[in-house]
N, C-alpha and C. Protein backbone atom coordinates (compact mmCIF):
# COMPACT_ATOMS: atom_id res chain seq x y z
N MET A 1 62.15 -0.64 5.59
CA MET A 1 63.54 -0.25 5.70
C MET A 1 64.05 -0.68 7.08
N PRO A 2 65.33 -0.96 7.16
CA PRO A 2 65.89 -1.41 8.44
C PRO A 2 65.72 -0.40 9.58
N ASP A 3 65.71 0.90 9.26
CA ASP A 3 65.60 1.90 10.33
C ASP A 3 64.14 2.19 10.70
N GLY A 4 63.20 1.47 10.13
CA GLY A 4 61.80 1.66 10.45
C GLY A 4 61.10 2.70 9.59
N GLN A 5 61.84 3.40 8.75
CA GLN A 5 61.25 4.39 7.86
C GLN A 5 60.66 3.68 6.64
N PRO A 6 59.55 4.19 6.10
CA PRO A 6 59.01 3.56 4.89
C PRO A 6 59.94 3.80 3.70
N ALA A 7 59.97 2.85 2.81
CA ALA A 7 60.78 3.00 1.60
C ALA A 7 60.15 4.07 0.71
N PRO A 8 60.98 4.87 0.02
CA PRO A 8 60.41 5.88 -0.87
C PRO A 8 59.69 5.22 -2.04
N THR A 9 58.60 5.82 -2.45
CA THR A 9 57.87 5.32 -3.60
C THR A 9 58.62 5.74 -4.86
N VAL A 10 58.90 4.78 -5.71
CA VAL A 10 59.58 5.07 -6.97
C VAL A 10 58.67 4.68 -8.13
N MET A 11 58.83 5.39 -9.24
CA MET A 11 57.99 5.16 -10.41
C MET A 11 58.84 4.95 -11.64
N THR A 12 58.34 4.16 -12.54
CA THR A 12 58.96 4.01 -13.85
C THR A 12 58.73 5.30 -14.63
N PRO A 13 59.45 5.51 -15.73
CA PRO A 13 59.19 6.69 -16.55
C PRO A 13 57.73 6.77 -17.00
N GLY A 14 57.15 5.65 -17.38
CA GLY A 14 55.75 5.65 -17.80
C GLY A 14 54.80 6.06 -16.68
N GLU A 15 55.09 5.58 -15.48
CA GLU A 15 54.27 5.95 -14.33
C GLU A 15 54.45 7.43 -13.99
N ALA A 16 55.67 7.94 -14.15
CA ALA A 16 55.93 9.36 -13.90
C ALA A 16 55.17 10.22 -14.92
N VAL A 17 55.15 9.79 -16.18
CA VAL A 17 54.39 10.50 -17.21
C VAL A 17 52.91 10.56 -16.81
N ALA A 18 52.38 9.42 -16.37
CA ALA A 18 50.97 9.38 -15.97
C ALA A 18 50.73 10.25 -14.74
N PHE A 19 51.64 10.21 -13.76
CA PHE A 19 51.49 11.00 -12.55
C PHE A 19 51.46 12.49 -12.87
N LEU A 20 52.36 12.92 -13.76
CA LEU A 20 52.42 14.33 -14.15
C LEU A 20 51.37 14.68 -15.21
N ARG A 21 50.70 13.65 -15.72
CA ARG A 21 49.67 13.78 -16.75
C ARG A 21 50.21 14.38 -18.05
N LEU A 22 51.46 14.12 -18.31
CA LEU A 22 52.06 14.61 -19.55
C LEU A 22 51.43 13.95 -20.77
N ASP A 23 50.87 12.77 -20.56
CA ASP A 23 50.23 12.05 -21.67
C ASP A 23 48.87 12.64 -22.01
N GLN A 24 48.40 13.60 -21.22
CA GLN A 24 47.09 14.21 -21.45
C GLN A 24 47.20 15.66 -21.94
N THR A 25 48.40 16.10 -22.24
CA THR A 25 48.59 17.51 -22.59
C THR A 25 48.79 17.73 -24.09
N GLY A 26 48.75 16.67 -24.86
CA GLY A 26 48.95 16.80 -26.29
C GLY A 26 50.41 16.79 -26.71
N ILE A 27 51.31 16.53 -25.75
CA ILE A 27 52.73 16.42 -26.07
C ILE A 27 52.92 15.16 -26.91
N LYS A 28 53.68 15.29 -27.98
CA LYS A 28 53.87 14.16 -28.90
C LYS A 28 54.57 12.99 -28.23
N ASP A 29 55.65 13.25 -27.48
CA ASP A 29 56.39 12.19 -26.80
C ASP A 29 56.67 12.61 -25.36
N PRO A 30 55.78 12.28 -24.43
CA PRO A 30 55.95 12.70 -23.05
C PRO A 30 57.25 12.21 -22.40
N LEU A 31 57.77 11.06 -22.84
CA LEU A 31 59.02 10.58 -22.27
C LEU A 31 60.18 11.51 -22.60
N LEU A 32 60.12 12.14 -23.78
CA LEU A 32 61.15 13.13 -24.12
C LEU A 32 61.05 14.35 -23.22
N SER A 33 59.85 14.69 -22.80
CA SER A 33 59.68 15.81 -21.87
C SER A 33 60.35 15.50 -20.53
N LEU A 34 60.18 14.27 -20.04
CA LEU A 34 60.85 13.87 -18.79
C LEU A 34 62.36 14.00 -18.95
N ARG A 35 62.86 13.53 -20.07
CA ARG A 35 64.29 13.62 -20.34
C ARG A 35 64.76 15.07 -20.37
N TYR A 36 63.99 15.93 -21.02
CA TYR A 36 64.30 17.36 -21.08
C TYR A 36 64.38 17.95 -19.67
N TYR A 37 63.39 17.64 -18.84
CA TYR A 37 63.38 18.16 -17.46
C TYR A 37 64.60 17.66 -16.68
N ARG A 38 65.00 16.41 -16.90
CA ARG A 38 66.20 15.87 -16.23
C ARG A 38 67.44 16.59 -16.72
N GLU A 39 67.58 16.74 -18.03
CA GLU A 39 68.78 17.36 -18.58
C GLU A 39 68.92 18.82 -18.18
N LYS A 40 67.81 19.50 -17.97
CA LYS A 40 67.82 20.90 -17.51
C LYS A 40 68.00 21.01 -16.00
N GLY A 41 68.02 19.87 -15.31
CA GLY A 41 68.18 19.88 -13.86
C GLY A 41 66.91 20.23 -13.11
N LEU A 42 65.78 20.16 -13.78
CA LEU A 42 64.51 20.51 -13.16
C LEU A 42 63.88 19.33 -12.43
N LEU A 43 64.26 18.13 -12.81
CA LEU A 43 63.70 16.91 -12.25
C LEU A 43 64.81 15.89 -12.10
N LYS A 44 64.81 15.20 -10.99
CA LYS A 44 65.83 14.18 -10.74
C LYS A 44 65.31 12.80 -11.13
N GLY A 45 66.19 12.03 -11.72
CA GLY A 45 65.93 10.62 -11.96
C GLY A 45 66.95 9.83 -11.17
N VAL A 46 66.58 8.62 -10.81
CA VAL A 46 67.46 7.76 -10.00
C VAL A 46 67.69 6.46 -10.76
N LYS A 47 68.94 6.10 -10.95
CA LYS A 47 69.26 4.81 -11.58
C LYS A 47 69.21 3.73 -10.50
N ILE A 48 68.42 2.72 -10.75
CA ILE A 48 68.38 1.53 -9.89
C ILE A 48 68.76 0.38 -10.80
N GLY A 49 69.98 -0.09 -10.63
CA GLY A 49 70.51 -1.06 -11.58
C GLY A 49 70.68 -0.36 -12.91
N LEU A 50 70.09 -0.91 -13.94
CA LEU A 50 70.15 -0.30 -15.26
C LEU A 50 68.90 0.51 -15.59
N LYS A 51 67.97 0.57 -14.67
CA LYS A 51 66.68 1.21 -14.92
C LYS A 51 66.61 2.59 -14.29
N LEU A 52 65.95 3.51 -14.98
CA LEU A 52 65.73 4.85 -14.48
C LEU A 52 64.39 4.89 -13.76
N ARG A 53 64.39 5.48 -12.59
CA ARG A 53 63.17 5.60 -11.80
C ARG A 53 63.07 7.03 -11.28
N TYR A 54 61.87 7.40 -10.87
CA TYR A 54 61.60 8.72 -10.31
C TYR A 54 60.98 8.54 -8.94
N ARG A 55 61.53 9.25 -7.95
CA ARG A 55 60.95 9.20 -6.62
C ARG A 55 59.72 10.09 -6.58
N LEU A 56 58.70 9.62 -5.91
CA LEU A 56 57.47 10.39 -5.79
C LEU A 56 57.76 11.76 -5.18
N THR A 57 58.63 11.81 -4.19
CA THR A 57 58.94 13.09 -3.54
C THR A 57 59.57 14.07 -4.53
N ASP A 58 60.40 13.59 -5.45
CA ASP A 58 61.01 14.46 -6.45
C ASP A 58 59.97 14.98 -7.44
N LEU A 59 59.02 14.13 -7.80
CA LEU A 59 57.95 14.57 -8.70
C LEU A 59 57.08 15.63 -8.05
N VAL A 60 56.76 15.44 -6.78
CA VAL A 60 55.95 16.42 -6.06
C VAL A 60 56.71 17.73 -5.92
N ASP A 61 58.01 17.66 -5.60
CA ASP A 61 58.83 18.87 -5.52
C ASP A 61 58.86 19.61 -6.85
N PHE A 62 58.97 18.87 -7.94
CA PHE A 62 58.97 19.45 -9.28
C PHE A 62 57.66 20.21 -9.52
N LEU A 63 56.54 19.58 -9.18
CA LEU A 63 55.24 20.24 -9.34
C LEU A 63 55.13 21.48 -8.46
N ASP A 64 55.64 21.40 -7.25
CA ASP A 64 55.60 22.55 -6.34
C ASP A 64 56.39 23.73 -6.92
N ARG A 65 57.56 23.45 -7.48
CA ARG A 65 58.36 24.52 -8.09
C ARG A 65 57.64 25.14 -9.28
N LEU A 66 57.00 24.31 -10.10
CA LEU A 66 56.25 24.84 -11.23
C LEU A 66 55.08 25.70 -10.77
N ALA A 67 54.43 25.27 -9.70
CA ALA A 67 53.30 26.05 -9.17
C ALA A 67 53.78 27.39 -8.64
N GLU A 68 54.92 27.40 -7.94
CA GLU A 68 55.47 28.66 -7.42
C GLU A 68 55.82 29.61 -8.56
N GLU A 69 56.43 29.08 -9.62
CA GLU A 69 56.80 29.91 -10.76
C GLU A 69 55.58 30.49 -11.46
N SER A 70 54.51 29.71 -11.52
CA SER A 70 53.32 30.20 -12.23
C SER A 70 52.56 31.25 -11.42
N GLU A 71 52.80 31.28 -10.11
CA GLU A 71 52.17 32.29 -9.26
C GLU A 71 52.85 33.65 -9.38
N GLN A 72 54.08 33.67 -9.85
CA GLN A 72 54.82 34.92 -9.91
C GLN A 72 54.46 35.74 -11.12
């Protein structure tokens, strides 16, 4: 990046599914789960051109929120 900061890591929907391991939970269509989380405002997606991507930091924040909720 021009300011010396590293560029954020972005993932395709398939990579986000693998990162969250949604493909290992027995969910029939993990991509629909990502869409559900986006539509509910639980997870952010970023449009880059015509493609949807997920920032690694947003995925980690999503997992952190789920972990906090499960502790309660």
